[in-house]
Amino acid sequence: MINSFGNKPMVSLAAVMSTALALWITMASLAQAHEVLPAIGDLSVEDGTVTLSISANLESFVADIDLDGLEDTEAAPEAAAYDNLRALSPDDLAAQFTAFWPQMAGGITLQADGVDLPLTLASVTVPAVGDVEVVRASTFVITAPLPDGAETLTVGWAPRFGVLVLRQMGVDAPYDGYLAGGALSDPIKIAGGNQASGWQTFVDYIPVGFDHIVPKGLDHILFVLGLFFLAARMRPLIWQVSAFTLAHTITLALAALGYVNVSGAIVEPLIAASIVYVAVENIFAKGLNPWRPLIIFGFGLLHGLGFASVLAEFGLPDYAFVPALIGFNIGVEVGQLFVIAVMFLCVVQAIRVDRGRNEVMQATVLYAVLLLATVAMCFLSWPQLTQTLEMSPLVFFVPLAAVFALCLLSVRLRDQLHAYRRIVAVPASVAIAIVGAYWFVERVFL
């Protein structure tokens, strides 16, 4: 039985695993500069013509990137072509998109009473080249003749074009929808009247909030994990999560209502700094300090402003502002709890052994099997996973394998004081702090 941290091979392996975890998260963080934004379509009918004006990132379309489920264009095989397109002048990009239009038109659905309408590209408007590290939103307008007597319209597009936020304009009780994964809208009454109920809007915005945490909110995920790794007990976790939830709910509501507006150039570096703080404090503090909930509350105010920037991308419906806001916030909370629950399930057996439960052999076998299963699943399902995830499966499986390996070491070194904290919680916190520090430097200086 190992009873000393003087066993250098074991300690060295723990260091290697914690370093691998840090490197993986840092590599995953490099993708944050090329985020995928939803397209926003305004649908209107006037003088027998259907008009669909869409604000979107045309470069991703022209580069033929499959946006379905994609978090960042850097993960796409066409990333180099996309980056080249971002530097094109407005006229050149408009010409490229016009040439691409016949290919895109085949993936767009615009129907009147279930009958496909012929589409015409009426115009393309591209802003001037600015910061190439910031997504450029251009606008293209599609028109189609409306058949006499038509009563409804149906809109949608191929999954590879990503999310479409669709808004009906110029009528009472207009339709408002969030279409993802190639979903078609419900039949939209041309005269209006498809406005969703407050309850339906509430339900629809829950997955939007969840999606912002899992899988798209890596910075928020790392912050929540920073809270988790402070101490393996429920009371300090409840105190921290409660303070964080209350704070970001306040600023999310104030920002969505227009009472608070802070530049992302200020908010994003501070969010990165908050990640560094909680992770570094985990390394040196063994429990919940009296001031930590107050500090977490302050950081929660910042994260609420970050959540609000997501809502600003496609807005909240005026007719159901409060239900949409509440639904989004609940989705965020469910996402955070999901992250905590998954990590808890990953480490719970190591925690039980660290607290003196006589389950050493059971835990050893469990983590060895989980580690091998994780590696096997990654490589045996590589082609399918690569196609489904639109990125290397290593992005997901390396940290999972690292956590299982560290838990296995913690179980084997169970006789040491606070083995779980020293071998699992502290190395994980170091990895989180490295990423937060990198993000801070990137968002301030790069």
Protein backbone atom coordinates (compact mmCIF):
# COMPACT_ATOMS: atom_id res chain seq x y z
CA MET A 1 0.00 0.00 0.00
CA ILE A 2 1.27 3.45 -0.88
CA ASN A 3 1.47 5.68 2.18
CA SER A 4 3.67 8.56 1.16
CA PHE A 5 3.78 11.25 -1.48
CA GLY A 6 7.43 10.38 -1.72
CA ASN A 7 6.48 7.76 -4.30
CA LYS A 8 7.81 9.73 -7.23
CA PRO A 9 6.37 7.69 -10.12
CA MET A 10 2.84 8.13 -8.79
CA VAL A 11 3.32 11.83 -8.09
CA SER A 12 4.89 12.33 -11.51
CA LEU A 13 1.94 10.62 -13.15
CA ALA A 14 -0.45 12.87 -11.26
CA ALA A 15 1.50 15.89 -12.48
CA VAL A 16 1.39 14.61 -16.06
CA MET A 17 -2.37 14.08 -15.91
CA SER A 18 -3.03 17.52 -14.45
CA THR A 19 -0.80 19.06 -17.12
CA ALA A 20 -2.67 17.16 -19.84
CA LEU A 21 -5.95 18.46 -18.46
CA ALA A 22 -4.63 22.02 -18.48
CA LEU A 23 -3.31 21.71 -22.03
CA TRP A 24 -6.58 20.27 -23.30
CA ILE A 25 -8.72 23.03 -21.83
CA THR A 26 -6.28 25.64 -23.13
CA MET A 27 -6.47 24.14 -26.62
CA ALA A 28 -10.25 24.10 -26.45
CA SER A 29 -10.25 27.74 -25.38
CA LEU A 30 -8.42 28.82 -28.53
CA ALA A 31 -11.66 28.46 -30.47
CA GLN A 32 -13.50 31.28 -28.73
CA ALA A 33 -12.53 33.99 -31.24
CA HIS A 34 -14.60 32.53 -34.09
CA GLU A 35 -17.95 31.86 -32.48
CA VAL A 36 -21.00 30.88 -34.50
CA LEU A 37 -23.90 33.33 -34.27
CA PRO A 38 -27.52 32.63 -35.23
CA ALA A 39 -28.95 34.12 -38.41
CA ILE A 40 -31.88 36.49 -37.90
CA GLY A 41 -34.65 36.51 -40.52
CA ASP A 42 -37.41 39.14 -40.80
CA LEU A 43 -40.41 37.87 -42.76
CA SER A 44 -42.96 40.23 -44.31
CA VAL A 45 -45.60 40.29 -47.04
CA GLU A 46 -46.52 43.37 -49.06
CA ASP A 47 -48.18 43.89 -52.44
CA GLY A 48 -48.20 40.20 -53.29
CA THR A 49 -44.49 39.69 -52.54
CA VAL A 50 -42.94 37.70 -49.73
CA THR A 51 -39.74 39.25 -48.42
CA LEU A 52 -37.26 37.50 -46.13
CA SER A 53 -34.42 39.73 -44.95
CA ILE A 54 -31.67 37.72 -43.24
CA SER A 55 -28.80 39.06 -41.16
CA ALA A 56 -26.05 36.46 -40.99
CA ASN A 57 -22.37 35.66 -41.29
CA LEU A 58 -22.07 35.18 -45.06
CA GLU A 59 -18.46 34.05 -44.86
CA SER A 60 -19.48 30.80 -43.15
CA PHE A 61 -22.01 30.07 -45.92
CA VAL A 62 -19.62 30.80 -48.79
CA ALA A 63 -16.88 28.70 -47.13
CA ASP A 64 -19.44 25.86 -47.08
CA ILE A 65 -19.02 25.26 -43.34
CA ASP A 66 -21.54 22.89 -41.78
CA LEU A 67 -22.86 25.02 -38.89
CA ASP A 68 -25.22 22.40 -37.45
CA GLY A 69 -24.18 22.06 -33.82
CA LEU A 70 -20.87 23.84 -34.48
CA GLU A 71 -19.64 26.11 -31.71
CA ASP A 72 -16.70 27.69 -33.47
CA THR A 73 -15.61 27.99 -37.08
CA GLU A 74 -12.01 27.18 -36.16
CA ALA A 75 -13.14 23.59 -35.57
CA ALA A 76 -14.36 23.27 -39.19
CA PRO A 77 -12.16 21.83 -41.97
CA GLU A 78 -12.93 24.96 -44.02
CA ALA A 79 -11.55 27.32 -41.33
CA ALA A 80 -8.74 28.63 -43.56
CA ALA A 81 -11.13 29.50 -46.39
CA TYR A 82 -13.43 31.17 -43.88
CA ASP A 83 -10.61 33.34 -42.49
CA ASN A 84 -9.66 34.44 -46.02
CA LEU A 85 -13.25 35.47 -46.74
CA ARG A 86 -13.39 37.60 -43.59
CA ALA A 87 -10.74 39.89 -45.02
CA LEU A 88 -12.57 40.50 -48.33
CA SER A 89 -13.96 43.93 -49.16
CA PRO A 90 -17.76 44.35 -49.09
CA ASP A 91 -18.02 44.23 -52.90
CA ASP A 92 -15.84 41.14 -53.20
CA LEU A 93 -17.71 39.23 -50.49
CA ALA A 94 -21.06 40.23 -51.99
CA ALA A 95 -19.89 38.90 -55.36
CA GLN A 96 -18.72 35.64 -53.75
CA PHE A 97 -22.07 35.19 -52.00
CA THR A 98 -24.02 35.97 -55.19
CA ALA A 99 -22.07 33.25 -56.98
CA PHE A 100 -22.78 30.89 -54.10
CA TRP A 101 -26.49 31.77 -53.99
CA PRO A 102 -27.80 29.01 -56.32
CA GLN A 103 -26.21 26.42 -54.02
CA MET A 104 -27.68 28.03 -50.91
CA ALA A 105 -31.11 28.53 -52.45
CA GLY A 106 -31.47 24.76 -52.77
CA GLY A 107 -31.32 24.48 -48.97
CA ILE A 108 -33.90 27.19 -48.20
CA THR A 109 -37.58 26.38 -47.74
CA LEU A 110 -40.20 29.05 -48.38
CA GLN A 111 -43.69 27.69 -48.94
CA ALA A 112 -47.16 29.15 -49.30
CA ASP A 113 -49.86 26.74 -48.14
CA GLY A 114 -47.33 23.91 -48.47
CA VAL A 115 -46.25 24.78 -52.03
CA ASP A 116 -42.61 25.77 -52.69
CA LEU A 117 -42.11 29.34 -53.92
CA PRO A 118 -39.44 30.37 -56.46
CA LEU A 119 -36.74 32.37 -54.67
CA THR A 120 -34.94 35.46 -55.93
CA LEU A 121 -31.88 37.03 -54.34
CA ALA A 122 -32.92 40.70 -54.30
CA SER A 123 -29.89 42.29 -52.60
CA VAL A 124 -26.73 41.67 -50.58
CA THR A 125 -25.34 44.24 -48.13
CA VAL A 126 -21.92 43.69 -46.55
CA PRO A 127 -20.36 46.01 -43.92
CA ALA A 128 -16.85 47.33 -44.33
CA VAL A 129 -13.95 45.19 -43.13
CA GLY A 130 -13.30 45.89 -39.46
CA ASP A 131 -11.64 43.75 -36.84
CA VAL A 132 -11.27 40.36 -38.58
CA GLU A 133 -11.42 38.71 -35.15
CA VAL A 134 -15.03 39.90 -34.78
CA VAL A 135 -17.83 38.15 -36.64
CA ARG A 136 -19.16 40.31 -39.51
CA ALA A 137 -22.96 40.32 -39.88
CA SER A 138 -24.14 41.00 -43.43
CA THR A 139 -27.68 41.11 -44.82
CA PHE A 140 -29.21 39.44 -47.83
CA VAL A 141 -32.81 39.80 -48.99
CA ILE A 142 -34.86 37.04 -50.60
CA THR A 143 -38.15 37.69 -52.40
CA ALA A 144 -40.84 35.41 -53.84
CA PRO A 145 -44.27 35.99 -55.44
CA LEU A 146 -47.22 35.19 -53.19
CA PRO A 147 -49.94 33.09 -54.90
CA ASP A 148 -53.45 34.53 -54.84
CA GLY A 149 -55.48 33.34 -51.90
CA ALA A 150 -52.51 31.98 -49.95
CA GLU A 151 -53.09 32.01 -46.19
CA THR A 152 -49.94 30.58 -44.61
CA LEU A 153 -46.18 30.56 -45.06
CA THR A 154 -43.61 28.00 -43.91
CA VAL A 155 -39.93 28.88 -43.57
CA GLY A 156 -36.79 26.89 -42.84
CA TRP A 157 -33.40 25.93 -44.17
CA ALA A 158 -30.92 23.09 -44.24
CA PRO A 159 -29.25 22.11 -40.95
CA ARG A 160 -25.79 23.04 -42.30
CA PHE A 161 -26.81 26.73 -42.30
CA GLY A 162 -27.15 26.69 -38.50
CA VAL A 163 -29.75 28.40 -36.34
CA LEU A 164 -32.36 30.75 -37.81
CA VAL A 165 -34.22 33.17 -35.56
CA LEU A 166 -37.37 33.97 -37.54
CA ARG A 167 -39.55 37.03 -36.87
CA GLN A 168 -42.74 37.98 -38.67
CA MET A 169 -43.05 41.71 -39.33
CA GLY A 170 -45.88 44.14 -40.06
CA VAL A 171 -48.80 42.21 -38.54
CA ASP A 172 -50.59 41.92 -35.23
CA ALA A 173 -49.66 38.96 -32.98
CA PRO A 174 -46.67 38.01 -35.18
CA TYR A 175 -44.84 34.68 -35.32
CA ASP A 176 -41.49 34.45 -33.55
CA GLY A 177 -39.43 31.25 -33.73
CA TYR A 178 -36.01 29.77 -32.98
CA LEU A 179 -35.29 27.16 -35.66
CA ALA A 180 -32.32 24.82 -35.20
CA GLY A 181 -31.18 21.53 -36.72
CA GLY A 182 -33.07 22.08 -39.97
CA ALA A 183 -36.46 22.54 -38.26
CA LEU A 184 -39.27 24.13 -40.25
CA SER A 185 -41.49 26.80 -38.80
CA ASP A 186 -45.10 26.02 -38.07
CA PRO A 187 -47.47 27.34 -40.77
CA ILE A 188 -47.40 31.11 -40.28
CA LYS A 189 -50.66 32.97 -40.88
CA ILE A 190 -49.95 35.75 -43.36
CA ALA A 191 -52.49 38.00 -41.64
CA GLY A 192 -50.88 37.41 -38.23
CA GLY A 193 -52.17 35.61 -35.18
CA ASN A 194 -49.39 33.04 -34.70
CA GLN A 195 -47.97 34.73 -31.65
CA ALA A 196 -46.90 32.12 -29.12
CA SER A 197 -48.44 32.11 -25.67
CA GLY A 198 -46.40 33.21 -22.69
CA TRP A 199 -46.16 29.59 -21.55
CA GLN A 200 -44.93 28.39 -24.95
CA THR A 201 -42.37 31.19 -25.10
CA PHE A 202 -41.17 30.25 -21.61
CA VAL A 203 -40.74 26.61 -22.66
CA ASP A 204 -39.04 27.53 -25.96
CA TYR A 205 -36.36 29.66 -24.27
CA ILE A 206 -35.30 27.03 -21.72
CA PRO A 207 -33.22 25.04 -24.25
CA VAL A 208 -31.75 28.33 -25.54
CA GLY A 209 -30.38 29.06 -22.07
CA PHE A 210 -29.19 25.48 -21.59
CA ASP A 211 -27.41 25.53 -24.96
CA HIS A 212 -25.52 28.64 -23.90
CA ILE A 213 -23.98 26.66 -21.03
CA VAL A 214 -23.75 23.17 -22.57
CA PRO A 215 -21.94 23.01 -24.90
CA LYS A 216 -21.27 26.63 -25.89
CA GLY A 217 -20.40 28.30 -22.58
CA LEU A 218 -16.92 27.00 -21.85
CA ASP A 219 -16.02 30.05 -19.76
CA HIS A 220 -19.16 29.67 -17.63
CA ILE A 221 -18.58 25.90 -17.35
CA LEU A 222 -15.06 26.47 -16.02
CA PHE A 223 -16.31 29.03 -13.51
CA VAL A 224 -18.97 26.63 -12.21
CA LEU A 225 -16.38 23.84 -11.98
CA GLY A 226 -14.19 26.25 -10.05
CA LEU A 227 -17.00 26.55 -7.53
CA PHE A 228 -17.36 22.76 -7.43
CA PHE A 229 -13.70 22.00 -6.76
CA LEU A 230 -13.41 24.28 -3.71
CA ALA A 231 -14.66 21.58 -1.36
CA ALA A 232 -16.32 18.22 -1.83
CA ARG A 233 -19.25 19.08 0.42
CA MET A 234 -22.76 20.24 -0.33
CA ARG A 235 -22.99 23.24 2.01
CA PRO A 236 -20.18 25.38 0.51
CA LEU A 237 -21.35 24.47 -2.99
CA ILE A 238 -24.94 25.56 -2.21
CA TRP A 239 -23.73 28.86 -0.77
CA GLN A 240 -21.61 29.62 -3.83
CA VAL A 241 -24.11 28.53 -6.47
CA SER A 242 -26.91 30.46 -4.71
CA ALA A 243 -24.85 33.67 -4.64
CA PHE A 244 -23.82 33.21 -8.27
CA THR A 245 -27.38 32.47 -9.42
CA LEU A 246 -28.92 35.45 -7.61
CA ALA A 247 -26.29 37.83 -8.99
CA HIS A 248 -26.38 36.82 -12.64
CA THR A 249 -30.19 36.78 -12.55
CA ILE A 250 -30.16 40.43 -11.47
CA THR A 251 -27.79 41.70 -14.15
CA LEU A 252 -29.31 39.50 -16.84
CA ALA A 253 -32.71 41.06 -16.18
CA LEU A 254 -31.34 44.63 -15.94
CA ALA A 255 -29.31 44.26 -19.13
CA ALA A 256 -32.19 42.66 -21.04
CA LEU A 257 -34.46 45.52 -19.95
CA GLY A 258 -31.90 48.05 -21.16
CA TYR A 259 -31.01 49.51 -17.76
CA VAL A 260 -27.41 48.26 -17.85
CA ASN A 261 -25.11 48.25 -20.85
CA VAL A 262 -21.45 47.42 -20.35
CA SER A 263 -19.06 46.84 -23.24
CA GLY A 264 -17.98 43.27 -23.88
CA ALA A 265 -14.40 44.56 -24.02
CA ILE A 266 -14.75 45.16 -20.27
CA VAL A 267 -16.99 42.26 -19.30
CA GLU A 268 -15.17 39.41 -21.08
CA PRO A 269 -11.69 40.01 -19.54
CA LEU A 270 -13.30 40.35 -16.10
CA ILE A 271 -15.11 37.04 -16.58
CA ALA A 272 -11.75 35.46 -17.39
CA ALA A 273 -10.28 37.05 -14.26
CA SER A 274 -13.14 35.61 -12.18
CA ILE A 275 -12.23 32.14 -13.41
CA VAL A 276 -8.62 32.65 -12.36
CA TYR A 277 -9.66 33.90 -8.92
CA VAL A 278 -11.92 31.00 -7.97
CA ALA A 279 -9.43 28.45 -9.30
CA VAL A 280 -6.41 29.97 -7.50
CA GLU A 281 -8.35 30.30 -4.25
CA ASN A 282 -9.25 26.60 -4.53
CA ILE A 283 -5.52 25.80 -4.51
CA PHE A 284 -4.78 27.69 -1.28
CA ALA A 285 -8.08 27.60 0.63
CA LYS A 286 -9.30 24.33 2.15
CA GLY A 287 -12.86 25.48 2.73
CA LEU A 288 -15.40 28.24 2.22
CA ASN A 289 -14.06 31.58 3.45
CA PRO A 290 -16.63 34.03 4.88
CA TRP A 291 -16.00 36.50 2.06
CA ARG A 292 -16.11 34.04 -0.85
CA PRO A 293 -19.92 34.08 -1.36
CA LEU A 294 -19.76 37.89 -1.56
CA ILE A 295 -16.98 37.73 -4.14
CA ILE A 296 -18.87 35.06 -6.09
CA PHE A 297 -21.91 37.35 -6.02
CA GLY A 298 -19.82 40.11 -7.60
CA PHE A 299 -18.53 37.76 -10.27
CA GLY A 300 -22.09 36.57 -10.86
CA LEU A 301 -23.03 40.13 -11.78
CA LEU A 302 -20.37 40.02 -14.51
CA HIS A 303 -21.49 36.65 -15.83
CA GLY A 304 -25.06 37.94 -16.01
CA LEU A 305 -23.86 40.62 -18.41
CA GLY A 306 -22.20 37.88 -20.44
CA PHE A 307 -25.47 35.95 -20.60
CA ALA A 308 -27.26 39.12 -21.67
CA SER A 309 -24.98 39.45 -24.70
CA VAL A 310 -26.40 36.16 -25.98
CA LEU A 311 -29.96 37.43 -25.73
CA ALA A 312 -28.88 40.60 -27.52
CA GLU A 313 -27.91 38.51 -30.56
CA PHE A 314 -31.53 37.68 -31.35
CA GLY A 315 -33.54 39.66 -28.81
CA LEU A 316 -36.49 38.78 -26.61
CA PRO A 317 -40.07 39.01 -27.88
CA ASP A 318 -41.75 42.18 -26.63
CA TYR A 319 -45.09 40.43 -26.17
CA ALA A 320 -43.62 37.80 -23.82
CA PHE A 321 -40.47 39.42 -22.48
CA VAL A 322 -40.76 38.15 -18.92
CA PRO A 323 -41.60 34.49 -19.78
CA ALA A 324 -38.73 34.41 -22.31
CA LEU A 325 -36.30 35.92 -19.81
CA ILE A 326 -37.33 33.50 -17.07
CA GLY A 327 -37.16 30.54 -19.45
CA PHE A 328 -33.68 31.51 -20.63
CA ASN A 329 -32.48 31.95 -17.04
CA ILE A 330 -33.89 28.59 -15.99
CA GLY A 331 -32.14 27.00 -18.97
CA VAL A 332 -28.88 28.54 -17.79
CA GLU A 333 -29.44 27.17 -14.27
CA VAL A 334 -30.29 23.71 -15.56
CA GLY A 335 -27.10 23.80 -17.65
CA GLN A 336 -25.01 24.76 -14.62
CA LEU A 337 -26.58 22.05 -12.47
CA PHE A 338 -26.00 19.55 -15.28
CA VAL A 339 -22.28 20.40 -15.32
CA ILE A 340 -22.05 20.02 -11.54
CA ALA A 341 -24.00 16.75 -11.59
CA VAL A 342 -21.80 15.22 -14.30
CA MET A 343 -18.60 16.16 -12.50
CA PHE A 344 -19.99 14.92 -9.18
CA LEU A 345 -20.80 11.54 -10.72
CA CYS A 346 -17.26 11.40 -12.11
CA VAL A 347 -15.54 11.98 -8.75
CA VAL A 348 -18.04 10.75 -6.14
CA GLN A 349 -16.38 7.38 -5.63
CA ALA A 350 -12.99 9.02 -5.07
CA ILE A 351 -14.61 11.34 -2.52
CA ARG A 352 -16.20 8.39 -0.69
CA VAL A 353 -12.87 6.60 -0.42
CA ASP A 354 -11.13 9.80 0.73
CA ARG A 355 -13.71 10.09 3.52
CA GLY A 356 -12.91 6.63 4.81
CA ARG A 357 -15.44 4.40 3.09
CA ASN A 358 -13.95 0.92 2.65
CA GLU A 359 -14.60 0.79 -1.09
CA VAL A 360 -11.02 0.89 -2.36
CA MET A 361 -11.12 -2.15 -4.61
CA GLN A 362 -14.55 -1.17 -5.95
CA ALA A 363 -13.34 2.35 -6.73
CA THR A 364 -10.09 1.10 -8.28
CA VAL A 365 -11.93 -1.23 -10.63
CA LEU A 366 -14.57 1.41 -11.43
CA TYR A 367 -12.09 4.11 -12.43
CA ALA A 368 -9.87 1.70 -14.33
CA VAL A 369 -12.89 0.50 -16.32
CA LEU A 370 -14.14 4.06 -16.89
CA LEU A 371 -10.71 5.18 -18.05
CA LEU A 372 -10.36 2.30 -20.50
CA ALA A 373 -13.96 2.69 -21.68
CA THR A 374 -13.42 6.40 -22.33
CA VAL A 375 -10.32 5.74 -24.43
CA ALA A 376 -12.03 2.87 -26.28
CA MET A 377 -15.18 4.88 -27.02
CA CYS A 378 -13.08 7.73 -28.37
CA PHE A 379 -11.08 5.65 -30.84
CA LEU A 380 -13.62 2.99 -31.77
CA SER A 381 -16.25 5.62 -32.56
CA TRP A 382 -13.83 8.17 -34.03
CA PRO A 383 -15.40 8.60 -37.52
CA GLN A 384 -18.97 8.78 -36.22
CA LEU A 385 -18.04 11.09 -33.34
CA THR A 386 -16.03 13.40 -35.58
CA GLN A 387 -18.98 13.74 -37.95
CA THR A 388 -21.49 14.27 -35.13
CA LEU A 389 -19.42 16.66 -33.02
CA GLU A 390 -17.96 18.61 -35.97
CA MET A 391 -14.62 18.58 -34.12
CA SER A 392 -12.05 16.18 -32.75
CA PRO A 393 -13.53 13.83 -30.13
CA LEU A 394 -10.36 14.45 -28.09
CA VAL A 395 -11.84 17.80 -27.06
CA PHE A 396 -14.38 15.91 -24.96
CA PHE A 397 -12.63 12.65 -24.10
CA VAL A 398 -9.19 13.89 -23.01
CA PRO A 399 -10.48 15.83 -19.96
CA LEU A 400 -12.85 13.01 -19.04
CA ALA A 401 -10.01 10.47 -19.17
CA ALA A 402 -7.75 12.82 -17.18
CA VAL A 403 -10.35 13.18 -14.42
CA PHE A 404 -10.82 9.40 -14.20
CA ALA A 405 -7.04 8.88 -14.09
CA LEU A 406 -6.61 11.45 -11.32
CA CYS A 407 -9.46 9.86 -9.36
CA LEU A 408 -7.76 6.47 -9.75
CA LEU A 409 -4.53 7.92 -8.33
CA SER A 410 -6.49 9.51 -5.50
CA VAL A 411 -7.97 6.14 -4.58
CA ARG A 412 -4.57 4.42 -4.67
CA LEU A 413 -3.08 7.19 -2.47
CA ARG A 414 -6.05 7.12 -0.11
CA ASP A 415 -3.92 6.95 3.07
CA GLN A 416 -2.62 10.46 2.49
CA LEU A 417 -4.39 13.37 4.14
CA HIS A 418 -6.89 14.97 1.77
CA ALA A 419 -5.86 12.71 -1.13
CA TYR A 420 -8.87 13.73 -3.26
CA ARG A 421 -8.13 17.42 -2.79
CA ARG A 422 -4.40 17.11 -3.51
CA ILE A 423 -4.64 14.78 -6.49
CA VAL A 424 -7.96 15.72 -8.11
CA ALA A 425 -9.31 19.09 -6.96
CA VAL A 426 -6.05 21.04 -6.91
CA PRO A 427 -4.72 19.83 -10.33
CA ALA A 428 -8.14 20.50 -11.88
CA SER A 429 -8.12 23.99 -10.36
CA VAL A 430 -4.62 24.60 -11.71
CA ALA A 431 -5.83 23.67 -15.19
CA ILE A 432 -8.83 26.00 -14.86
CA ALA A 433 -6.61 28.85 -13.64
CA ILE A 434 -4.26 28.42 -16.62
CA VAL A 435 -7.15 28.75 -19.06
CA GLY A 436 -8.61 31.75 -17.26
CA ALA A 437 -5.23 33.49 -17.30
CA TYR A 438 -4.82 32.75 -21.01
CA TRP A 439 -8.27 34.12 -21.75
CA PHE A 440 -7.57 37.28 -19.76
CA VAL A 441 -4.37 37.96 -21.71
CA GLU A 442 -6.07 37.13 -25.01
CA ARG A 443 -9.08 39.37 -24.36
CA VAL A 444 -7.03 42.32 -23.17
CA PHE A 445 -3.90 42.22 -25.32
CA LEU A 446 -4.40 39.90 -28.31
